[in-house]
Structure formats: structure tokens, C-alpha cells
Amino acid sequence: MPSDAREYEFDVSKVPAHPAELFLEWIEAAILAGVREPHAMTLSTVDEHGRPSSRVLILKGLGDGRWEFASSRLSRKGGELQQSPWAALSFYWSEQGRQVRVRGQVLPAGPQRSAADFLARSPAARAEALAGTQSEVLDDPQDLAAALDGAAARLQREPETVSEDWTLYGLAADEVEFWQADRERRHVRLRYLLRNGVWTRERLWP
């Protein structure tokens, strides 16, 4: 529990109707408070057997109410999303005693926006994406070095090169929970649920 948790009391009577609006308020507060890597989030997916996998990614944006992230569609998470396009996200800002949980369907943003996201990455990140197939077995580290060198040289010659597999994804939430810690363990939990196209809100027991 952060010593200054009382600075972040959560009045559920004053929240906006849409969870994306409240999320923006919270992440902006986290940025202003100097929270380390406030855009970092855990993405959880499942394989064809229902076995979950989790990894930490960076939130790329909140376009049209969708929580966006990017990856190669040939990666493990890309393959799992193709098998089952449902996922969960979680954010944790320990300095404020806050976390946000998001669940919903994941949809590709389309080739144009995916290409724009790829070109906005650093040269090293683009070279890494072009160098090989993410999550595949690497038999020799020298293979990685050679592939990175080759991809970097290609980008020098063709700076507008875009990986065909790079995908910007958007999670269209149907459930979002906001959790605010309390020193006396009276944590405040507020859940938004999307029902028949309308967001409803409900308090949860800690």
C-alpha cells in the first residue's frame, strides 16, 4: 500500500459513463504522478486448449474506445489471437495503489494503421521485427546477429519497408474494472459491463 494512497481516493459517484473516459483520467494522473512506465500492461491470451499465456506490452493508444497494442501476427500471441480473439489486459500502478482490468474481443486495426504503427517504431525495433519469426526457437545467437544486420541494411536501402506480419490490434472491451487500494483494506472496486450496447456500473466487494 503506498503511503500517499489517500491522495487517490476513488469517488464512484463522480465517474463518467464510459470506462475509456475514466481510464484516460487515471492514466493521465499516473503520468503526472511520475509512475514508472504507466503505459505498460499485461496481455493474457489462450491457446487452442484454453491454456493461458501472459506477457507485458505497451499500450499504443485508445482509439475508438479500443485499447491498442501491436505485434507480429506470427508471434505466439498473434497465433493465439487468431485461434481465439478474446483477451484480457491489466494495468498496475503501485505508486497510486491502482489497477485496471480489461476484457473483450481483439480486432485487427487494418493494414494502413498497422503500417503507420510499424513506421513509427525506432529503426532497431523495425529491424528486429523484420529479422525473423518472433517466439520461434533460436538455435544459434549468431543467426540473430546476422538477421538483425541484414534487416538494418535493408532498412537503410528501403526506409519505408513494412513487415507484412506487423499488426496493430484493438481490444474492444465489454468489461472494465477499476480498483483503488485503501489502507484499511476497504478497497474500492468499480466494474463497467457492456450490456446490449449500453455501459452499466456496479460496485464489487473488495
C-alpha atoms as a PDB file:
ATOM      1  CA  MET A   1       0.000   0.000   0.000  1.00  0.00           C
ATOM      2  CA  PRO A   2       1.554   3.366  -0.984  1.00  0.00           C
ATOM      3  CA  SER A   3       1.964   5.821   1.892  1.00  0.00           C
ATOM      4  CA  ASP A   4       0.102   8.522  -0.045  1.00  0.00           C
ATOM      5  CA  ALA A   5      -2.826   6.325  -1.101  1.00  0.00           C
ATOM      6  CA  ARG A   6      -5.312   8.745   0.437  1.00  0.00           C
ATOM      7  CA  GLU A   7      -4.397  11.212  -2.308  1.00  0.00           C
ATOM      8  CA  TYR A   8      -6.093   8.859  -4.737  1.00  0.00           C
ATOM      9  CA  GLU A   9      -9.448   8.235  -3.091  1.00  0.00           C
ATOM     10  CA  PHE A  10     -11.972   6.919  -5.589  1.00  0.00           C
ATOM     11  CA  ASP A  11     -15.440   8.511  -5.556  1.00  0.00           C
ATOM     12  CA  VAL A  12     -17.570   6.206  -7.707  1.00  0.00           C
ATOM     13  CA  SER A  13     -20.435   8.700  -7.721  1.00  0.00           C
ATOM     14  CA  LYS A  14     -18.448  11.021  -9.990  1.00  0.00           C
ATOM     15  CA  VAL A  15     -17.270   8.651 -12.705  1.00  0.00           C
ATOM     16  CA  PRO A  16     -18.034   9.119 -16.436  1.00  0.00           C
ATOM     17  CA  ALA A  17     -20.494   6.914 -18.303  1.00  0.00           C
ATOM     18  CA  HIS A  18     -17.839   5.253 -20.492  1.00  0.00           C
ATOM     19  CA  PRO A  19     -14.916   3.325 -18.959  1.00  0.00           C
ATOM     20  CA  ALA A  20     -12.467   4.627 -21.575  1.00  0.00           C
ATOM     21  CA  GLU A  21     -13.007   8.155 -20.250  1.00  0.00           C
ATOM     22  CA  LEU A  22     -12.231   7.084 -16.690  1.00  0.00           C
ATOM     23  CA  PHE A  23      -9.213   5.113 -17.885  1.00  0.00           C
ATOM     24  CA  LEU A  24      -7.838   8.217 -19.597  1.00  0.00           C
ATOM     25  CA  GLU A  25      -8.295  10.173 -16.367  1.00  0.00           C
ATOM     26  CA  TRP A  26      -6.432   7.523 -14.400  1.00  0.00           C
ATOM     27  CA  ILE A  27      -3.546   7.080 -16.817  1.00  0.00           C
ATOM     28  CA  GLU A  28      -3.084  10.842 -17.115  1.00  0.00           C
ATOM     29  CA  ALA A  29      -2.979  11.030 -13.314  1.00  0.00           C
ATOM     30  CA  ALA A  30      -0.394   8.234 -13.304  1.00  0.00           C
ATOM     31  CA  ILE A  31       1.766  10.103 -15.812  1.00  0.00           C
ATOM     32  CA  LEU A  32       1.543  13.344 -13.808  1.00  0.00           C
ATOM     33  CA  ALA A  33       2.416  11.449 -10.627  1.00  0.00           C
ATOM     34  CA  GLY A  34       5.592  10.090 -12.229  1.00  0.00           C
ATOM     35  CA  VAL A  35       4.502   6.462 -12.236  1.00  0.00           C
ATOM     36  CA  ARG A  36       7.185   4.382 -13.923  1.00  0.00           C
ATOM     37  CA  GLU A  37       6.068   3.058 -17.316  1.00  0.00           C
ATOM     38  CA  PRO A  38       2.342   3.771 -16.825  1.00  0.00           C
ATOM     39  CA  HIS A  39       1.593   2.501 -20.354  1.00  0.00           C
ATOM     40  CA  ALA A  40       2.947  -0.975 -19.566  1.00  0.00           C
ATOM     41  CA  MET A  41       0.225  -3.618 -19.422  1.00  0.00           C
ATOM     42  CA  THR A  42      -0.112  -7.383 -19.144  1.00  0.00           C
ATOM     43  CA  LEU A  43      -1.845  -9.062 -22.080  1.00  0.00           C
ATOM     44  CA  SER A  44      -3.319 -12.524 -21.492  1.00  0.00           C
ATOM     45  CA  THR A  45      -4.424 -14.819 -24.309  1.00  0.00           C
ATOM     46  CA  VAL A  46      -5.334 -18.512 -24.533  1.00  0.00           C
ATOM     47  CA  ASP A  47      -4.282 -21.261 -26.928  1.00  0.00           C
ATOM     48  CA  GLU A  48      -6.498 -23.822 -28.647  1.00  0.00           C
ATOM     49  CA  HIS A  49      -6.551 -25.904 -25.448  1.00  0.00           C
ATOM     50  CA  GLY A  50      -7.630 -22.993 -23.272  1.00  0.00           C
ATOM     51  CA  ARG A  51      -4.207 -22.672 -21.627  1.00  0.00           C
ATOM     52  CA  PRO A  52      -3.362 -19.021 -20.877  1.00  0.00           C
ATOM     53  CA  SER A  53      -0.220 -17.045 -21.690  1.00  0.00           C
ATOM     54  CA  SER A  54       0.694 -13.606 -20.357  1.00  0.00           C
ATOM     55  CA  ARG A  55       3.281 -11.023 -21.341  1.00  0.00           C
ATOM     56  CA  VAL A  56       3.919  -7.314 -20.783  1.00  0.00           C
ATOM     57  CA  LEU A  57       3.348  -4.938 -23.693  1.00  0.00           C
ATOM     58  CA  ILE A  58       2.985  -1.201 -24.198  1.00  0.00           C
ATOM     59  CA  LEU A  59      -0.409   0.414 -24.710  1.00  0.00           C
ATOM     60  CA  LYS A  60      -0.170   2.149 -28.081  1.00  0.00           C
ATOM     61  CA  GLY A  61      -3.364   4.169 -27.816  1.00  0.00           C
ATOM     62  CA  LEU A  62      -7.055   4.201 -27.045  1.00  0.00           C
ATOM     63  CA  GLY A  63      -8.622   4.606 -30.481  1.00  0.00           C
ATOM     64  CA  ASP A  64     -12.418   4.454 -30.810  1.00  0.00           C
ATOM     65  CA  GLY A  65     -12.643   3.153 -27.252  1.00  0.00           C
ATOM     66  CA  ARG A  66     -10.306   0.233 -28.028  1.00  0.00           C
ATOM     67  CA  TRP A  67      -7.144  -0.475 -26.056  1.00  0.00           C
ATOM     68  CA  GLU A  68      -4.465  -0.821 -28.755  1.00  0.00           C
ATOM     69  CA  PHE A  69      -1.227  -2.809 -28.916  1.00  0.00           C
ATOM     70  CA  ALA A  70       0.941  -4.130 -31.733  1.00  0.00           C
ATOM     71  CA  SER A  71       2.752  -7.342 -32.564  1.00  0.00           C
ATOM     72  CA  SER A  72       3.599  -9.720 -35.383  1.00  0.00           C
ATOM     73  CA  ARG A  73       0.623 -11.898 -36.228  1.00  0.00           C
ATOM     74  CA  LEU A  74       3.131 -14.788 -36.484  1.00  0.00           C
ATOM     75  CA  SER A  75       4.145 -14.428 -32.834  1.00  0.00           C
ATOM     76  CA  ARG A  76       2.702 -16.673 -30.149  1.00  0.00           C
ATOM     77  CA  LYS A  77       0.187 -14.056 -29.074  1.00  0.00           C
ATOM     78  CA  GLY A  78      -0.718 -13.382 -32.704  1.00  0.00           C
ATOM     79  CA  GLY A  79      -1.370 -17.059 -33.287  1.00  0.00           C
ATOM     80  CA  GLU A  80      -3.397 -17.387 -30.112  1.00  0.00           C
ATOM     81  CA  LEU A  81      -5.495 -14.349 -31.018  1.00  0.00           C
ATOM     82  CA  GLN A  82      -6.188 -15.901 -34.397  1.00  0.00           C
ATOM     83  CA  GLN A  83      -7.382 -19.069 -32.649  1.00  0.00           C
ATOM     84  CA  SER A  84      -9.410 -17.211 -30.016  1.00  0.00           C
ATOM     85  CA  PRO A  85      -9.819 -13.438 -30.445  1.00  0.00           C
ATOM     86  CA  TRP A  86     -10.614 -12.844 -26.756  1.00  0.00           C
ATOM     87  CA  ALA A  87      -8.094 -11.420 -24.329  1.00  0.00           C
ATOM     88  CA  ALA A  88      -7.579  -9.613 -21.041  1.00  0.00           C
ATOM     89  CA  LEU A  89      -5.393  -6.652 -20.106  1.00  0.00           C
ATOM     90  CA  SER A  90      -4.259  -5.459 -16.706  1.00  0.00           C
ATOM     91  CA  PHE A  91      -2.528  -2.269 -15.604  1.00  0.00           C
ATOM     92  CA  TYR A  92      -0.930  -1.848 -12.176  1.00  0.00           C
ATOM     93  CA  TRP A  93       0.259   1.469 -10.791  1.00  0.00           C
ATOM     94  CA  SER A  94       1.714   0.593  -7.392  1.00  0.00           C
ATOM     95  CA  GLU A  95       2.617   4.176  -6.516  1.00  0.00           C
ATOM     96  CA  GLN A  96      -1.079   5.033  -6.516  1.00  0.00           C
ATOM     97  CA  GLY A  97      -2.475   1.735  -5.311  1.00  0.00           C
ATOM     98  CA  ARG A  98      -4.444   1.387  -8.523  1.00  0.00           C
ATOM     99  CA  GLN A  99      -5.097  -1.282 -11.087  1.00  0.00           C
ATOM    100  CA  VAL A 100      -7.356  -1.608 -14.118  1.00  0.00           C
ATOM    101  CA  ARG A 101      -8.574  -4.864 -15.654  1.00  0.00           C
ATOM    102  CA  VAL A 102      -9.983  -5.014 -19.189  1.00  0.00           C
ATOM    103  CA  ARG A 103     -11.631  -7.918 -21.041  1.00  0.00           C
ATOM    104  CA  GLY A 104     -13.027  -8.163 -24.552  1.00  0.00           C
ATOM    105  CA  GLN A 105     -12.604  -9.136 -28.181  1.00  0.00           C
ATOM    106  CA  VAL A 106      -9.406  -8.269 -30.059  1.00  0.00           C
ATOM    107  CA  LEU A 107      -9.701  -6.986 -33.626  1.00  0.00           C
ATOM    108  CA  PRO A 108      -7.004  -6.012 -36.163  1.00  0.00           C
ATOM    109  CA  ALA A 109      -6.930  -2.295 -36.906  1.00  0.00           C
ATOM    110  CA  GLY A 110      -6.265  -2.847 -40.620  1.00  0.00           C
ATOM    111  CA  PRO A 111      -3.203  -2.695 -42.897  1.00  0.00           C
ATOM    112  CA  GLN A 112      -2.907   1.096 -43.150  1.00  0.00           C
ATOM    113  CA  ARG A 113      -2.885   1.742 -39.412  1.00  0.00           C
ATOM    114  CA  SER A 114      -0.648  -1.280 -38.827  1.00  0.00           C
ATOM    115  CA  ALA A 115       1.849   0.057 -41.373  1.00  0.00           C
ATOM    116  CA  ALA A 116       1.764   3.504 -39.773  1.00  0.00           C
ATOM    117  CA  ASP A 117       2.466   1.961 -36.381  1.00  0.00           C
ATOM    118  CA  PHE A 118       5.377  -0.038 -37.789  1.00  0.00           C
ATOM    119  CA  LEU A 119       6.957   3.010 -39.445  1.00  0.00           C
ATOM    120  CA  ALA A 120       6.657   4.974 -36.193  1.00  0.00           C
ATOM    121  CA  ARG A 121       8.871   2.448 -34.399  1.00  0.00           C
ATOM    122  CA  SER A 122      12.579   3.023 -33.894  1.00  0.00           C
ATOM    123  CA  PRO A 123      14.981   1.675 -36.558  1.00  0.00           C
ATOM    124  CA  ALA A 124      16.198  -1.001 -34.136  1.00  0.00           C
ATOM    125  CA  ALA A 125      12.635  -2.108 -33.379  1.00  0.00           C
ATOM    126  CA  ARG A 126      11.762  -2.272 -37.072  1.00  0.00           C
ATOM    127  CA  ALA A 127      14.907  -4.279 -37.797  1.00  0.00           C
ATOM    128  CA  GLU A 128      14.031  -6.693 -35.013  1.00  0.00           C
ATOM    129  CA  ALA A 129      10.545  -7.203 -36.439  1.00  0.00           C
ATOM    130  CA  LEU A 130      11.951  -7.845 -39.921  1.00  0.00           C
ATOM    131  CA  ALA A 131      14.776 -10.096 -38.750  1.00  0.00           C
ATOM    132  CA  GLY A 132      12.877 -13.259 -38.012  1.00  0.00           C
ATOM    133  CA  THR A 133       9.834 -15.010 -36.652  1.00  0.00           C
ATOM    134  CA  GLN A 134       9.130 -13.968 -33.080  1.00  0.00           C
ATOM    135  CA  SER A 135       8.895 -16.763 -30.491  1.00  0.00           C
ATOM    136  CA  GLU A 136      10.476 -19.394 -32.760  1.00  0.00           C
ATOM    137  CA  VAL A 137      13.409 -21.454 -31.463  1.00  0.00           C
ATOM    138  CA  LEU A 138      16.809 -19.748 -31.879  1.00  0.00           C
ATOM    139  CA  ASP A 139      19.493 -22.384 -32.375  1.00  0.00           C
ATOM    140  CA  ASP A 140      22.480 -20.057 -32.674  1.00  0.00           C
ATOM    141  CA  PRO A 141      22.708 -16.444 -31.392  1.00  0.00           C
ATOM    142  CA  GLN A 142      24.895 -15.658 -34.411  1.00  0.00           C
ATOM    143  CA  ASP A 143      21.859 -16.290 -36.591  1.00  0.00           C
ATOM    144  CA  LEU A 144      20.070 -13.477 -34.768  1.00  0.00           C
ATOM    145  CA  ALA A 145      23.020 -11.112 -35.178  1.00  0.00           C
ATOM    146  CA  ALA A 146      23.237 -11.835 -38.900  1.00  0.00           C
ATOM    147  CA  ALA A 147      19.484 -11.420 -39.359  1.00  0.00           C
ATOM    148  CA  LEU A 148      19.484  -8.102 -37.487  1.00  0.00           C
ATOM    149  CA  ASP A 149      22.403  -6.819 -39.536  1.00  0.00           C
ATOM    150  CA  GLY A 150      20.652  -7.832 -42.746  1.00  0.00           C
ATOM    151  CA  ALA A 151      17.376  -6.209 -41.698  1.00  0.00           C
ATOM    152  CA  ALA A 152      19.149  -2.999 -40.677  1.00  0.00           C
ATOM    153  CA  ALA A 153      20.920  -2.855 -44.037  1.00  0.00           C
ATOM    154  CA  ARG A 154      17.608  -3.389 -45.823  1.00  0.00           C
ATOM    155  CA  LEU A 155      16.051  -0.505 -43.905  1.00  0.00           C
ATOM    156  CA  GLN A 156      18.959   1.712 -44.877  1.00  0.00           C
ATOM    157  CA  ARG A 157      18.237   0.966 -48.534  1.00  0.00           C
ATOM    158  CA  GLU A 158      14.443   0.884 -48.230  1.00  0.00           C
ATOM    159  CA  PRO A 159      13.389   3.004 -45.218  1.00  0.00           C
ATOM    160  CA  GLU A 160       9.682   2.659 -45.990  1.00  0.00           C
ATOM    161  CA  THR A 161       9.781  -1.136 -45.716  1.00  0.00           C
ATOM    162  CA  VAL A 162       6.931  -2.521 -43.604  1.00  0.00           C
ATOM    163  CA  SER A 163       6.697  -6.017 -42.181  1.00  0.00           C
ATOM    164  CA  GLU A 164       3.789  -7.842 -43.803  1.00  0.00           C
ATOM    165  CA  ASP A 165       3.055  -9.560 -40.496  1.00  0.00           C
ATOM    166  CA  TRP A 166       3.015  -6.473 -38.286  1.00  0.00           C
ATOM    167  CA  THR A 167      -0.448  -5.885 -36.852  1.00  0.00           C
ATOM    168  CA  LEU A 168      -1.980  -3.166 -34.739  1.00  0.00           C
ATOM    169  CA  TYR A 169      -4.671  -4.756 -32.582  1.00  0.00           C
ATOM    170  CA  GLY A 170      -7.516  -3.144 -30.654  1.00  0.00           C
ATOM    171  CA  LEU A 171      -9.267  -4.732 -27.694  1.00  0.00           C
ATOM    172  CA  ALA A 172     -12.957  -3.813 -27.780  1.00  0.00           C
ATOM    173  CA  ALA A 173     -13.835  -4.056 -24.105  1.00  0.00           C
ATOM    174  CA  ASP A 174     -17.062  -5.457 -22.732  1.00  0.00           C
ATOM    175  CA  GLU A 175     -15.856  -5.433 -19.115  1.00  0.00           C
ATOM    176  CA  VAL A 176     -13.547  -2.970 -17.347  1.00  0.00           C
ATOM    177  CA  GLU A 177     -12.779  -2.929 -13.627  1.00  0.00           C
ATOM    178  CA  PHE A 178     -11.137  -0.092 -11.698  1.00  0.00           C
ATOM    179  CA  TRP A 179      -9.525  -0.946  -8.353  1.00  0.00           C
ATOM    180  CA  GLN A 180      -8.363   1.586  -5.783  1.00  0.00           C
ATOM    181  CA  ALA A 181      -6.438   0.407  -2.717  1.00  0.00           C
ATOM    182  CA  ASP A 182      -7.273   1.547   0.797  1.00  0.00           C
ATOM    183  CA  ARG A 183      -5.009   1.380   3.866  1.00  0.00           C
ATOM    184  CA  GLU A 184      -7.803  -0.137   5.933  1.00  0.00           C
ATOM    185  CA  ARG A 185      -8.416  -2.821   3.288  1.00  0.00           C
ATOM    186  CA  ARG A 186     -11.675  -1.180   2.231  1.00  0.00           C
ATOM    187  CA  HIS A 187     -10.578  -1.292  -1.376  1.00  0.00           C
ATOM    188  CA  VAL A 188     -12.915   0.329  -3.884  1.00  0.00           C
ATOM    189  CA  ARG A 189     -13.783  -1.768  -6.917  1.00  0.00           C
ATOM    190  CA  LEU A 190     -15.980  -0.488  -9.725  1.00  0.00           C
ATOM    191  CA  ARG A 191     -16.909  -2.683 -12.677  1.00  0.00           C
ATOM    192  CA  TYR A 192     -18.273  -1.462 -16.001  1.00  0.00           C
ATOM    193  CA  LEU A 193     -20.209  -4.035 -18.053  1.00  0.00           C
ATOM    194  CA  LEU A 194     -21.406  -3.608 -21.628  1.00  0.00           C
ATOM    195  CA  ARG A 195     -24.949  -4.911 -21.935  1.00  0.00           C
ATOM    196  CA  ASN A 196     -26.947  -4.537 -25.157  1.00  0.00           C
ATOM    197  CA  GLY A 197     -24.668  -1.733 -26.276  1.00  0.00           C
ATOM    198  CA  VAL A 198     -25.009   0.224 -23.024  1.00  0.00           C
ATOM    199  CA  TRP A 199     -22.399   0.513 -20.268  1.00  0.00           C
ATOM    200  CA  THR A 200     -23.630  -0.218 -16.753  1.00  0.00           C
ATOM    201  CA  ARG A 201     -21.709   0.192 -13.486  1.00  0.00           C
ATOM    202  CA  GLU A 202     -21.629  -1.812 -10.260  1.00  0.00           C
ATOM    203  CA  ARG A 203     -19.598  -1.849  -7.039  1.00  0.00           C
ATOM    204  CA  LEU A 204     -17.827  -5.054  -6.075  1.00  0.00           C
ATOM    205  CA  TRP A 205     -16.787  -6.356  -2.681  1.00  0.00           C
ATOM    206  CA  PRO A 206     -13.035  -5.968  -2.071  1.00  0.00           C
END
